[in-house]
Amino acid sequence: MSQNNAIYKGFKVSAKVRQAPDAFPGGDVVHPRFLATVTITQVSTGMGSQRLLPPEIQQFADAPHAAITLALTSAREAIDGMSTFVKAK
């Protein structure tokens, strides 16, 4: 198992990769594939606001580094898609 951690815009993005099952339920054998799972944790609360974080993000690829790259890219896109607007009082 491999793990990759990064801080992106005040969020900790942690990716873990493992080898995925190598057969479909019907019994067809496929090339070895890897599953990367990413979790997002808020490390900076900025002006005290907590953000609703997306659930775990998963991506499959034929190589471990490719799976991590896809998963981290998906996590960054999810963070970029969160509203960062803070209404002034």
PDB file of N, CA and C in Angstrom:
ATOM      1  N   MET A   1       0.851  -1.174   0.000  1.00  0.00           N
ATOM      2  CA  MET A   1       0.000   0.000   0.000  1.00  0.00           C
ATOM      3  C   MET A   1       0.892   1.230   0.000  1.00  0.00           C
ATOM      4  N   SER A   2       0.504   2.219  -0.768  1.00  0.00           N
ATOM      5  CA  SER A   2       1.241   3.471  -0.854  1.00  0.00           C
ATOM      6  C   SER A   2       0.315   4.588  -0.392  1.00  0.00           C
ATOM      7  N   GLN A   3       0.897   5.677   0.096  1.00  0.00           N
ATOM      8  CA  GLN A   3       0.078   6.789   0.557  1.00  0.00           C
ATOM      9  C   GLN A   3       0.705   8.096   0.108  1.00  0.00           C
ATOM     10  N   ASN A   4      -0.134   9.073  -0.192  1.00  0.00           N
ATOM     11  CA  ASN A   4       0.322  10.375  -0.616  1.00  0.00           C
ATOM     12  C   ASN A   4      -0.514  11.421   0.109  1.00  0.00           C
ATOM     13  N   ASN A   5       0.149  12.413   0.700  1.00  0.00           N
ATOM     14  CA  ASN A   5      -0.544  13.479   1.423  1.00  0.00           C
ATOM     15  C   ASN A   5      -0.121  14.831   0.863  1.00  0.00           C
ATOM     16  N   ALA A   6      -1.052  15.771   0.838  1.00  0.00           N
ATOM     17  CA  ALA A   6      -0.753  17.126   0.382  1.00  0.00           C
ATOM     18  C   ALA A   6      -1.705  18.098   1.062  1.00  0.00           C
ATOM     19  N   ILE A   7      -1.290  19.343   1.141  1.00  0.00           N
ATOM     20  CA  ILE A   7      -2.154  20.420   1.609  1.00  0.00           C
ATOM     21  C   ILE A   7      -2.535  21.233   0.381  1.00  0.00           C
ATOM     22  N   TYR A   8      -3.837  21.466   0.204  1.00  0.00           N
ATOM     23  CA  TYR A   8      -4.329  22.222  -0.949  1.00  0.00           C
ATOM     24  C   TYR A   8      -5.408  23.174  -0.464  1.00  0.00           C
ATOM     25  N   LYS A   9      -5.145  24.467  -0.560  1.00  0.00           N
ATOM     26  CA  LYS A   9      -6.102  25.512  -0.192  1.00  0.00           C
ATOM     27  C   LYS A   9      -6.694  25.320   1.203  1.00  0.00           C
ATOM     28  N   GLY A  10      -5.853  24.960   2.169  1.00  0.00           N
ATOM     29  CA  GLY A  10      -6.313  24.803   3.541  1.00  0.00           C
ATOM     30  C   GLY A  10      -6.942  23.457   3.852  1.00  0.00           C
ATOM     31  N   PHE A  11      -6.814  22.491   2.950  1.00  0.00           N
ATOM     32  CA  PHE A  11      -7.358  21.154   3.153  1.00  0.00           C
ATOM     33  C   PHE A  11      -6.238  20.124   3.028  1.00  0.00           C
ATOM     34  N   LYS A  12      -6.258  19.139   3.886  1.00  0.00           N
ATOM     35  CA  LYS A  12      -5.317  18.024   3.772  1.00  0.00           C
ATOM     36  C   LYS A  12      -5.966  16.972   2.879  1.00  0.00           C
ATOM     37  N   VAL A  13      -5.271  16.606   1.836  1.00  0.00           N
ATOM     38  CA  VAL A  13      -5.743  15.604   0.887  1.00  0.00           C
ATOM     39  C   VAL A  13      -4.859  14.386   1.054  1.00  0.00           C
ATOM     40  N   SER A  14      -5.443  13.266   1.457  1.00  0.00           N
ATOM     41  CA  SER A  14      -4.690  12.024   1.690  1.00  0.00           C
ATOM     42  C   SER A  14      -5.167  10.948   0.736  1.00  0.00           C
ATOM     43  N   ALA A  15      -4.229  10.402  -0.029  1.00  0.00           N
ATOM     44  CA  ALA A  15      -4.555   9.353  -0.992  1.00  0.00           C
ATOM     45  C   ALA A  15      -3.848   8.062  -0.600  1.00  0.00           C
ATOM     46  N   LYS A  16      -4.600   6.989  -0.604  1.00  0.00           N
ATOM     47  CA  LYS A  16      -4.053   5.657  -0.366  1.00  0.00           C
ATOM     48  C   LYS A  16      -4.374   4.819  -1.589  1.00  0.00           C
ATOM     49  N   VAL A  17      -3.420   4.002  -2.009  1.00  0.00           N
ATOM     50  CA  VAL A  17      -3.645   3.164  -3.185  1.00  0.00           C
ATOM     51  C   VAL A  17      -3.401   1.708  -2.812  1.00  0.00           C
ATOM     52  N   ARG A  18      -4.199   0.853  -3.421  1.00  0.00           N
ATOM     53  CA  ARG A  18      -4.027  -0.592  -3.214  1.00  0.00           C
ATOM     54  C   ARG A  18      -4.421  -1.297  -4.502  1.00  0.00           C
ATOM     55  N   GLN A  19      -3.999  -2.529  -4.617  1.00  0.00           N
ATOM     56  CA  GLN A  19      -4.369  -3.287  -5.807  1.00  0.00           C
ATOM     57  C   GLN A  19      -5.836  -3.674  -5.697  1.00  0.00           C
ATOM     58  N   ALA A  20      -6.564  -3.415  -6.752  1.00  0.00           N
ATOM     59  CA  ALA A  20      -7.991  -3.723  -6.791  1.00  0.00           C
ATOM     60  C   ALA A  20      -8.166  -5.186  -7.198  1.00  0.00           C
ATOM     61  N   PRO A  21      -9.329  -5.748  -6.931  1.00  0.00           N
ATOM     62  CA  PRO A  21      -9.591  -7.124  -7.383  1.00  0.00           C
ATOM     63  C   PRO A  21      -9.354  -7.233  -8.881  1.00  0.00           C
ATOM     64  N   ASP A  22      -8.790  -8.360  -9.318  1.00  0.00           N
ATOM     65  CA  ASP A  22      -8.426  -8.486 -10.728  1.00  0.00           C
ATOM     66  C   ASP A  22      -9.445  -9.246 -11.560  1.00  0.00           C
ATOM     67  N   ALA A  23     -10.661  -9.348 -11.090  1.00  0.00           N
ATOM     68  CA  ALA A  23     -11.695 -10.021 -11.885  1.00  0.00           C
ATOM     69  C   ALA A  23     -13.033  -9.328 -11.673  1.00  0.00           C
ATOM     70  N   PHE A  24     -13.828  -9.310 -12.713  1.00  0.00           N
ATOM     71  CA  PHE A  24     -15.189  -8.799 -12.614  1.00  0.00           C
ATOM     72  C   PHE A  24     -16.067  -9.879 -11.996  1.00  0.00           C
ATOM     73  N   PRO A  25     -17.235  -9.523 -11.474  1.00  0.00           N
ATOM     74  CA  PRO A  25     -18.118 -10.517 -10.870  1.00  0.00           C
ATOM     75  C   PRO A  25     -18.444 -11.689 -11.800  1.00  0.00           C
ATOM     76  N   GLY A  26     -18.472 -11.465 -13.106  1.00  0.00           N
ATOM     77  CA  GLY A  26     -18.773 -12.531 -14.055  1.00  0.00           C
ATOM     78  C   GLY A  26     -17.616 -13.498 -14.256  1.00  0.00           C
ATOM     79  N   GLY A  27     -16.465 -13.200 -13.644  1.00  0.00           N
ATOM     80  CA  GLY A  27     -15.325 -14.097 -13.750  1.00  0.00           C
ATOM     81  C   GLY A  27     -14.327 -13.715 -14.827  1.00  0.00           C
ATOM     82  N   ASP A  28     -14.588 -12.639 -15.580  1.00  0.00           N
ATOM     83  CA  ASP A  28     -13.650 -12.206 -16.607  1.00  0.00           C
ATOM     84  C   ASP A  28     -12.411 -11.608 -15.944  1.00  0.00           C
ATOM     85  N   VAL A  29     -11.240 -12.101 -16.312  1.00  0.00           N
ATOM     86  CA  VAL A  29      -9.994 -11.592 -15.745  1.00  0.00           C
ATOM     87  C   VAL A  29      -9.601 -10.328 -16.501  1.00  0.00           C
ATOM     88  N   VAL A  30      -9.173  -9.307 -15.761  1.00  0.00           N
ATOM     89  CA  VAL A  30      -8.721  -8.053 -16.365  1.00  0.00           C
ATOM     90  C   VAL A  30      -7.287  -7.799 -15.933  1.00  0.00           C
ATOM     91  N   HIS A  31      -6.630  -6.843 -16.555  1.00  0.00           N
ATOM     92  CA  HIS A  31      -5.275  -6.480 -16.158  1.00  0.00           C
ATOM     93  C   HIS A  31      -5.279  -5.997 -14.718  1.00  0.00           C
ATOM     94  N   PRO A  32      -4.160  -6.189 -14.011  1.00  0.00           N
ATOM     95  CA  PRO A  32      -4.116  -5.683 -12.635  1.00  0.00           C
ATOM     96  C   PRO A  32      -4.453  -4.200 -12.608  1.00  0.00           C
ATOM     97  N   ARG A  33      -5.315  -3.843 -11.721  1.00  0.00           N
ATOM     98  CA  ARG A  33      -5.724  -2.450 -11.595  1.00  0.00           C
ATOM     99  C   ARG A  33      -5.512  -2.007 -10.170  1.00  0.00           C
ATOM    100  N   PHE A  34      -5.433  -0.708 -10.000  1.00  0.00           N
ATOM    101  CA  PHE A  34      -5.182  -0.142  -8.690  1.00  0.00           C
ATOM    102  C   PHE A  34      -6.288   0.833  -8.340  1.00  0.00           C
ATOM    103  N   LEU A  35      -6.646   0.851  -7.064  1.00  0.00           N
ATOM    104  CA  LEU A  35      -7.703   1.716  -6.558  1.00  0.00           C
ATOM    105  C   LEU A  35      -7.079   2.721  -5.602  1.00  0.00           C
ATOM    106  N   ALA A  36      -7.260   3.999  -5.888  1.00  0.00           N
ATOM    107  CA  ALA A  36      -6.800   5.057  -4.988  1.00  0.00           C
ATOM    108  C   ALA A  36      -8.018   5.670  -4.317  1.00  0.00           C
ATOM    109  N   THR A  37      -7.944   5.815  -3.010  1.00  0.00           N
ATOM    110  CA  THR A  37      -9.006   6.415  -2.220  1.00  0.00           C
ATOM    111  C   THR A  37      -8.461   7.678  -1.572  1.00  0.00           C
ATOM    112  N   VAL A  38      -9.192   8.782  -1.727  1.00  0.00           N
ATOM    113  CA  VAL A  38      -8.759  10.067  -1.187  1.00  0.00           C
ATOM    114  C   VAL A  38      -9.746  10.540  -0.135  1.00  0.00           C
ATOM    115  N   THR A  39      -9.203  11.049   0.965  1.00  0.00           N
ATOM    116  CA  THR A  39     -10.030  11.711   1.969  1.00  0.00           C
ATOM    117  C   THR A  39      -9.571  13.167   2.057  1.00  0.00           C
ATOM    118  N   ILE A  40     -10.516  14.051   2.362  1.00  0.00           N
ATOM    119  CA  ILE A  40     -10.229  15.480   2.472  1.00  0.00           C
ATOM    120  C   ILE A  40     -10.569  15.918   3.888  1.00  0.00           C
ATOM    121  N   THR A  41      -9.608  16.603   4.537  1.00  0.00           N
ATOM    122  CA  THR A  41      -9.791  17.096   5.890  1.00  0.00           C
ATOM    123  C   THR A  41      -9.467  18.582   5.906  1.00  0.00           C
ATOM    124  N   GLN A  42     -10.310  19.382   6.518  1.00  0.00           N
ATOM    125  CA  GLN A  42     -10.043  20.816   6.599  1.00  0.00           C
ATOM    126  C   GLN A  42      -9.020  21.065   7.700  1.00  0.00           C
ATOM    127  N   VAL A  43      -7.904  21.717   7.363  1.00  0.00           N
ATOM    128  CA  VAL A  43      -6.878  22.016   8.363  1.00  0.00           C
ATOM    129  C   VAL A  43      -6.855  23.492   8.713  1.00  0.00           C
ATOM    130  N   SER A  44      -7.400  24.343   7.858  1.00  0.00           N
ATOM    131  CA  SER A  44      -7.450  25.771   8.111  1.00  0.00           C
ATOM    132  C   SER A  44      -8.907  26.199   8.114  1.00  0.00           C
ATOM    133  N   THR A  45      -9.328  26.810   9.209  1.00  0.00           N
ATOM    134  CA  THR A  45     -10.728  27.236   9.286  1.00  0.00           C
ATOM    135  C   THR A  45     -10.918  28.664   8.810  1.00  0.00           C
ATOM    136  N   GLY A  46      -9.827  29.307   8.396  1.00  0.00           N
ATOM    137  CA  GLY A  46      -9.943  30.660   7.855  1.00  0.00           C
ATOM    138  C   GLY A  46     -10.608  31.594   8.846  1.00  0.00           C
ATOM    139  N   MET A  47     -11.806  32.032   8.530  1.00  0.00           N
ATOM    140  CA  MET A  47     -12.537  32.950   9.404  1.00  0.00           C
ATOM    141  C   MET A  47     -13.460  32.187  10.351  1.00  0.00           C
ATOM    142  N   GLY A  48     -13.081  30.974  10.705  1.00  0.00           N
ATOM    143  CA  GLY A  48     -13.860  30.190  11.646  1.00  0.00           C
ATOM    144  C   GLY A  48     -14.937  29.332  11.021  1.00  0.00           C
ATOM    145  N   SER A  49     -15.023  29.318   9.694  1.00  0.00           N
ATOM    146  CA  SER A  49     -16.078  28.545   9.047  1.00  0.00           C
ATOM    147  C   SER A  49     -15.609  27.128   8.738  1.00  0.00           C
ATOM    148  N   GLN A  50     -16.478  26.189   8.981  1.00  0.00           N
ATOM    149  CA  GLN A  50     -16.219  24.799   8.620  1.00  0.00           C
ATOM    150  C   GLN A  50     -16.942  24.516   7.316  1.00  0.00           C
ATOM    151  N   ARG A  51     -16.309  23.818   6.440  1.00  0.00           N
ATOM    152  CA  ARG A  51     -16.901  23.497   5.136  1.00  0.00           C
ATOM    153  C   ARG A  51     -17.437  22.068   5.162  1.00  0.00           C
ATOM    154  N   LEU A  52     -18.517  21.838   4.440  1.00  0.00           N
ATOM    155  CA  LEU A  52     -19.044  20.499   4.249  1.00  0.00           C
ATOM    156  C   LEU A  52     -18.149  19.821   3.223  1.00  0.00           C
ATOM    157  N   LEU A  53     -17.478  18.760   3.634  1.00  0.00           N
ATOM    158  CA  LEU A  53     -16.504  18.096   2.774  1.00  0.00           C
ATOM    159  C   LEU A  53     -17.132  16.937   2.023  1.00  0.00           C
ATOM    160  N   PRO A  54     -16.650  16.679   0.808  1.00  0.00           N
ATOM    161  CA  PRO A  54     -17.174  15.541   0.044  1.00  0.00           C
ATOM    162  C   PRO A  54     -16.755  14.230   0.698  1.00  0.00           C
ATOM    163  N   PRO A  55     -17.494  13.155   0.438  1.00  0.00           N
ATOM    164  CA  PRO A  55     -17.091  11.846   0.962  1.00  0.00           C
ATOM    165  C   PRO A  55     -15.805  11.389   0.282  1.00  0.00           C
ATOM    166  N   GLU A  56     -15.326  10.225   0.650  1.00  0.00           N
ATOM    167  CA  GLU A  56     -14.123   9.688   0.022  1.00  0.00           C
ATOM    168  C   GLU A  56     -14.281   9.652  -1.499  1.00  0.00           C
ATOM    169  N   ILE A  57     -13.206   9.938  -2.182  1.00  0.00           N
ATOM    170  CA  ILE A  57     -13.183   9.913  -3.639  1.00  0.00           C
ATOM    171  C   ILE A  57     -12.339   8.721  -4.061  1.00  0.00           C
ATOM    172  N   GLN A  58     -12.823   7.942  -5.022  1.00  0.00           N
ATOM    173  CA  GLN A  58     -12.095   6.764  -5.482  1.00  0.00           C
ATOM    174  C   GLN A  58     -11.863   6.833  -6.984  1.00  0.00           C
ATOM    175  N   GLN A  59     -10.679   6.379  -7.407  1.00  0.00           N
ATOM    176  CA  GLN A  59     -10.334   6.327  -8.824  1.00  0.00           C
ATOM    177  C   GLN A  59      -9.563   5.035  -9.100  1.00  0.00           C
ATOM    178  N   PHE A  60      -9.819   4.426 -10.246  1.00  0.00           N
ATOM    179  CA  PHE A  60      -9.105   3.228 -10.688  1.00  0.00           C
ATOM    180  C   PHE A  60      -8.134   3.604 -11.792  1.00  0.00           C
ATOM    181  N   ALA A  61      -7.016   2.893 -11.865  1.00  0.00           N
ATOM    182  CA  ALA A  61      -6.059   3.071 -12.966  1.00  0.00           C
ATOM    183  C   ALA A  61      -5.229   1.798 -13.085  1.00  0.00           C
ATOM    184  N   ASP A  62      -4.478   1.713 -14.185  1.00  0.00           N
ATOM    185  CA  ASP A  62      -3.647   0.535 -14.429  1.00  0.00           C
ATOM    186  C   ASP A  62      -2.311   0.576 -13.688  1.00  0.00           C
ATOM    187  N   ALA A  63      -1.952   1.715 -13.111  1.00  0.00           N
ATOM    188  CA  ALA A  63      -0.697   1.843 -12.363  1.00  0.00           C
ATOM    189  C   ALA A  63      -0.978   2.602 -11.063  1.00  0.00           C
ATOM    190  N   PRO A  64      -0.244   2.300  -9.997  1.00  0.00           N
ATOM    191  CA  PRO A  64      -0.494   2.966  -8.711  1.00  0.00           C
ATOM    192  C   PRO A  64      -0.378   4.487  -8.781  1.00  0.00           C
ATOM    193  N   HIS A  65       0.678   4.986  -9.411  1.00  0.00           N
ATOM    194  CA  HIS A  65       0.860   6.439  -9.475  1.00  0.00           C
ATOM    195  C   HIS A  65      -0.231   7.105 -10.298  1.00  0.00           C
ATOM    196  N   ALA A  66      -0.704   6.435 -11.332  1.00  0.00           N
ATOM    197  CA  ALA A  66      -1.790   6.980 -12.145  1.00  0.00           C
ATOM    198  C   ALA A  66      -3.080   7.064 -11.328  1.00  0.00           C
ATOM    199  N   ALA A  67      -3.343   6.050 -10.508  1.00  0.00           N
ATOM    200  CA  ALA A  67      -4.543   6.058  -9.661  1.00  0.00           C
ATOM    201  C   ALA A  67      -4.479   7.201  -8.654  1.00  0.00           C
ATOM    202  N   ILE A  68      -3.316   7.401  -8.051  1.00  0.00           N
ATOM    203  CA  ILE A  68      -3.150   8.497  -7.087  1.00  0.00           C
ATOM    204  C   ILE A  68      -3.335   9.838  -7.782  1.00  0.00           C
ATOM    205  N   THR A  69      -2.728   9.997  -8.953  1.00  0.00           N
ATOM    206  CA  THR A  69      -2.849  11.254  -9.687  1.00  0.00           C
ATOM    207  C   THR A  69      -4.306  11.562 -10.010  1.00  0.00           C
ATOM    208  N   LEU A  70      -5.042  10.564 -10.494  1.00  0.00           N
ATOM    209  CA  LEU A  70      -6.463  10.771 -10.808  1.00  0.00           C
ATOM    210  C   LEU A  70      -7.263  11.138  -9.556  1.00  0.00           C
ATOM    211  N   ALA A  71      -6.999  10.437  -8.457  1.00  0.00           N
ATOM    212  CA  ALA A  71      -7.738  10.686  -7.222  1.00  0.00           C
ATOM    213  C   ALA A  71      -7.427  12.071  -6.657  1.00  0.00           C
ATOM    214  N   LEU A  72      -6.142  12.455  -6.661  1.00  0.00           N
ATOM    215  CA  LEU A  72      -5.778  13.783  -6.161  1.00  0.00           C
ATOM    216  C   LEU A  72      -6.347  14.886  -7.036  1.00  0.00           C
ATOM    217  N   THR A  73      -6.363  14.678  -8.336  1.00  0.00           N
ATOM    218  CA  THR A  73      -6.961  15.656  -9.246  1.00  0.00           C
ATOM    219  C   THR A  73      -8.454  15.800  -8.959  1.00  0.00           C
ATOM    220  N   SER A  74      -9.142  14.685  -8.731  1.00  0.00           N
ATOM    221  CA  SER A  74     -10.575  14.728  -8.395  1.00  0.00           C
ATOM    222  C   SER A  74     -10.799  15.463  -7.083  1.00  0.00           C
ATOM    223  N   ALA A  75      -9.913  15.256  -6.106  1.00  0.00           N
ATOM    224  CA  ALA A  75     -10.038  15.932  -4.812  1.00  0.00           C
ATOM    225  C   ALA A  75      -9.841  17.432  -4.971  1.00  0.00           C
ATOM    226  N   ARG A  76      -8.836  17.833  -5.759  1.00  0.00           N
ATOM    227  CA  ARG A  76      -8.613  19.263  -5.993  1.00  0.00           C
ATOM    228  C   ARG A  76      -9.819  19.901  -6.691  1.00  0.00           C
ATOM    229  N   GLU A  77     -10.386  19.188  -7.657  1.00  0.00           N
ATOM    230  CA  GLU A  77     -11.573  19.701  -8.342  1.00  0.00           C
ATOM    231  C   GLU A  77     -12.747  19.848  -7.376  1.00  0.00           C
ATOM    232  N   ALA A  78     -12.894  18.894  -6.457  1.00  0.00           N
ATOM    233  CA  ALA A  78     -13.968  18.974  -5.460  1.00  0.00           C
ATOM    234  C   ALA A  78     -13.754  20.173  -4.542  1.00  0.00           C
ATOM    235  N   ILE A  79     -12.513  20.406  -4.131  1.00  0.00           N
ATOM    236  CA  ILE A  79     -12.204  21.554  -3.270  1.00  0.00           C
ATOM    237  C   ILE A  79     -12.453  22.852  -4.033  1.00  0.00           C
ATOM    238  N   ASP A  80     -12.012  22.908  -5.288  1.00  0.00           N
ATOM    239  CA  ASP A  80     -12.231  24.107  -6.105  1.00  0.00           C
ATOM    240  C   ASP A  80     -13.721  24.383  -6.301  1.00  0.00           C
ATOM    241  N   GLY A  81     -14.527  23.334  -6.309  1.00  0.00           N
ATOM    242  CA  GLY A  81     -15.965  23.480  -6.520  1.00  0.00           C
ATOM    243  C   GLY A  81     -16.731  23.906  -5.287  1.00  0.00           C
ATOM    244  N   MET A  82     -16.098  23.836  -4.121  1.00  0.00           N
ATOM    245  CA  MET A  82     -16.776  24.261  -2.898  1.00  0.00           C
ATOM    246  C   MET A  82     -16.860  25.780  -2.863  1.00  0.00           C
ATOM    247  N   SER A  83     -17.945  26.278  -2.341  1.00  0.00           N
ATOM    248  CA  SER A  83     -18.113  27.725  -2.226  1.00  0.00           C
ATOM    249  C   SER A  83     -17.123  28.281  -1.221  1.00  0.00           C
ATOM    250  N   THR A  84     -16.413  29.330  -1.606  1.00  0.00           N
ATOM    251  CA  THR A  84     -15.493  29.990  -0.690  1.00  0.00           C
ATOM    252  C   THR A  84     -15.987  31.386  -0.323  1.00  0.00           C
ATOM    253  N   PHE A  85     -17.206  31.689  -0.751  1.00  0.00           N
ATOM    254  CA  PHE A  85     -17.776  33.012  -0.469  1.00  0.00           C
ATOM    255  C   PHE A  85     -18.134  33.111   0.993  1.00  0.00           C
ATOM    256  N   VAL A  86     -17.663  34.160   1.654  1.00  0.00           N
ATOM    257  CA  VAL A  86     -17.993  34.432   3.055  1.00  0.00           C
ATOM    258  C   VAL A  86     -18.694  35.776   3.094  1.00  0.00           C
ATOM    259  N   LYS A  87     -19.906  35.774   3.593  1.00  0.00           N
ATOM    260  CA  LYS A  87     -20.703  37.002   3.638  1.00  0.00           C
ATOM    261  C   LYS A  87     -20.233  37.888   4.786  1.00  0.00           C
ATOM    262  N   ALA A  88     -19.926  39.123   4.481  1.00  0.00           N
ATOM    263  CA  ALA A  88     -19.503  40.079   5.507  1.00  0.00           C
ATOM    264  C   ALA A  88     -20.721  40.561   6.299  1.00  0.00           C
ATOM    265  N   LYS A  89     -20.515  40.778   7.600  1.00  0.00           N
ATOM    266  CA  LYS A  89     -21.614  41.250   8.451  1.00  0.00           C
ATOM    267  C   LYS A  89     -21.569  42.742   8.584  1.00  0.00           C
TER     268      LYS A  89
END
